[in-house]
């Protein structure tokens, strides 16, 4: 179970990074030829190493970071049309998948740690 949750988080984070870059550079940029909005992928690189190494603390704070991408996806799915709206729905789905896997991973790794003796 822990391995599946780990893989789900890793794959969804990498897919979200790729989606953000492809969306704003090639698929449906705000301006022809790409836009500076592709820089929104940079914050996703911050937790990448910790996520790939299975660090519980990184999963905890990255689950809060990803909520911004969820919000953007929801808002742009209503505001945009065509390909951009479809990409926004995919962003929303990837953010939800990452969030769920990050929360489950943090919970599963907490259960495997020994409890401290209470005084």
Protein backbone atom coordinates (compact mmCIF):
# COMPACT_ATOMS: atom_id res chain seq x y z
CA UNK A 1 0.00 0.00 0.00
CA UNK A 2 2.76 2.46 0.95
CA UNK A 3 4.62 1.79 -2.31
CA UNK A 4 1.47 2.44 -4.39
CA UNK A 5 0.80 5.73 -2.57
CA UNK A 6 4.45 6.76 -3.01
CA UNK A 7 4.31 6.00 -6.75
CA UNK A 8 1.00 7.85 -7.12
CA UNK A 9 2.45 10.96 -5.51
CA UNK A 10 5.65 10.84 -7.57
CA UNK A 11 3.88 10.28 -10.88
CA UNK A 12 1.21 12.92 -10.28
CA UNK A 13 3.80 15.53 -9.24
CA UNK A 14 5.97 14.86 -12.28
CA UNK A 15 2.91 14.91 -14.54
CA UNK A 16 1.80 18.21 -13.04
CA UNK A 17 5.21 19.77 -13.65
CA UNK A 18 5.14 18.57 -17.26
CA UNK A 19 1.54 19.76 -17.72
CA UNK A 20 2.29 23.26 -16.40
CA UNK A 21 5.24 23.64 -18.77
CA UNK A 22 3.51 22.16 -21.81
CA UNK A 23 0.31 24.12 -21.19
CA UNK A 24 1.96 27.54 -21.01
CA UNK A 25 4.70 26.97 -23.59
CA UNK A 26 3.05 24.92 -26.37
CA UNK A 27 -0.48 23.59 -25.88
CA UNK A 28 -2.53 26.70 -24.97
CA UNK A 29 -0.29 29.61 -23.92
CA UNK A 30 -1.79 32.98 -23.04
CA UNK A 31 0.34 34.55 -25.79
CA UNK A 32 1.49 32.94 -29.04
CA UNK A 33 4.97 31.49 -28.63
CA UNK A 34 4.63 30.83 -24.89
CA UNK A 35 4.08 32.91 -21.78
CA UNK A 36 5.87 33.70 -18.57
CA UNK A 37 3.11 31.84 -16.76
CA UNK A 38 5.20 28.70 -17.37
CA UNK A 39 7.19 29.82 -14.33
CA UNK A 40 4.32 28.48 -12.21
CA UNK A 41 6.04 25.10 -12.54
CA UNK A 42 9.05 26.31 -10.51
CA UNK A 43 7.44 25.96 -7.05
CA UNK A 44 6.65 22.33 -7.90
CA UNK A 45 10.37 21.66 -8.22
CA UNK A 46 10.97 22.57 -4.55
CA UNK A 47 9.40 19.41 -3.07
CA UNK A 48 10.44 17.11 -5.95
CA UNK A 49 13.62 15.76 -4.32
CA UNK A 50 11.96 15.13 -0.97
CA UNK A 51 8.98 13.46 -2.61
CA UNK A 52 11.20 11.18 -4.67
CA UNK A 53 13.21 10.27 -1.55
CA UNK A 54 10.07 9.57 0.50
CA UNK A 55 10.61 12.25 3.15
CA UNK A 56 7.48 12.48 5.26
CA UNK A 57 7.90 16.17 6.14
CA UNK A 58 8.09 17.08 2.45
CA UNK A 59 4.85 15.21 1.80
CA UNK A 60 3.21 17.19 4.59
CA UNK A 61 4.09 20.68 3.36
CA UNK A 62 3.78 19.79 -0.33
CA UNK A 63 0.17 18.77 0.31
CA UNK A 64 -0.50 22.40 1.26
CA UNK A 65 1.46 23.80 -1.71
CA UNK A 66 -0.54 21.73 -4.18
CA UNK A 67 -3.80 23.35 -3.11
CA UNK A 68 -2.80 26.48 -5.04
CA UNK A 69 -2.61 24.44 -8.23
CA UNK A 70 -5.96 22.86 -7.44
CA UNK A 71 -7.48 26.33 -7.03
CA UNK A 72 -5.95 27.56 -10.28
CA UNK A 73 -7.27 24.54 -12.13
CA UNK A 74 -10.79 25.01 -10.81
CA UNK A 75 -10.84 28.73 -11.60
CA UNK A 76 -9.39 28.35 -15.09
CA UNK A 77 -11.71 25.46 -15.92
CA UNK A 78 -14.63 27.88 -15.47
CA UNK A 79 -12.96 30.97 -16.96
CA UNK A 80 -11.16 29.48 -19.97
CA UNK A 81 -12.61 27.76 -23.01
CA UNK A 82 -11.47 25.01 -25.34
CA UNK A 83 -8.12 23.31 -24.82
CA UNK A 84 -7.19 25.55 -21.91
CA UNK A 85 -10.31 24.56 -19.97
CA UNK A 86 -9.56 20.88 -20.58
CA UNK A 87 -5.97 21.35 -19.38
CA UNK A 88 -7.31 23.11 -16.29
CA UNK A 89 -9.48 20.09 -15.48
CA UNK A 90 -6.46 17.81 -15.90
CA UNK A 91 -4.47 20.09 -13.57
CA UNK A 92 -7.28 19.88 -11.01
CA UNK A 93 -7.34 16.08 -11.23
CA UNK A 94 -3.54 15.77 -10.90
CA UNK A 95 -3.54 18.12 -7.92
CA UNK A 96 -6.25 16.04 -6.24
CA UNK A 97 -4.38 12.80 -6.91
CA UNK A 98 -1.17 14.25 -5.48
CA UNK A 99 -2.96 15.70 -2.45
CA UNK A 100 -4.68 12.40 -1.60
CA UNK A 101 -1.49 10.39 -2.05
CA UNK A 102 0.58 12.87 -0.02
CA UNK A 103 -1.88 12.79 2.87
CA UNK A 104 -2.09 8.97 2.80
CA UNK A 105 1.70 8.65 2.59
CA UNK A 106 2.18 10.95 5.59
CA UNK A 107 -0.40 8.95 7.50
CA UNK A 108 1.06 5.56 6.56
CA UNK A 109 4.59 6.57 7.50
CA UNK A 110 3.36 7.99 10.79
CA UNK A 111 1.88 4.62 11.70
CA UNK A 112 5.18 2.87 11.02
CA UNK A 113 7.13 5.11 13.41
CA UNK A 114 7.45 4.02 17.06
CA UNK A 115 5.37 6.02 19.52
CA UNK A 116 7.13 8.01 22.21
CA UNK A 117 6.44 6.91 25.76
CA UNK A 118 4.11 9.31 27.56
CA UNK A 119 5.20 10.69 30.91
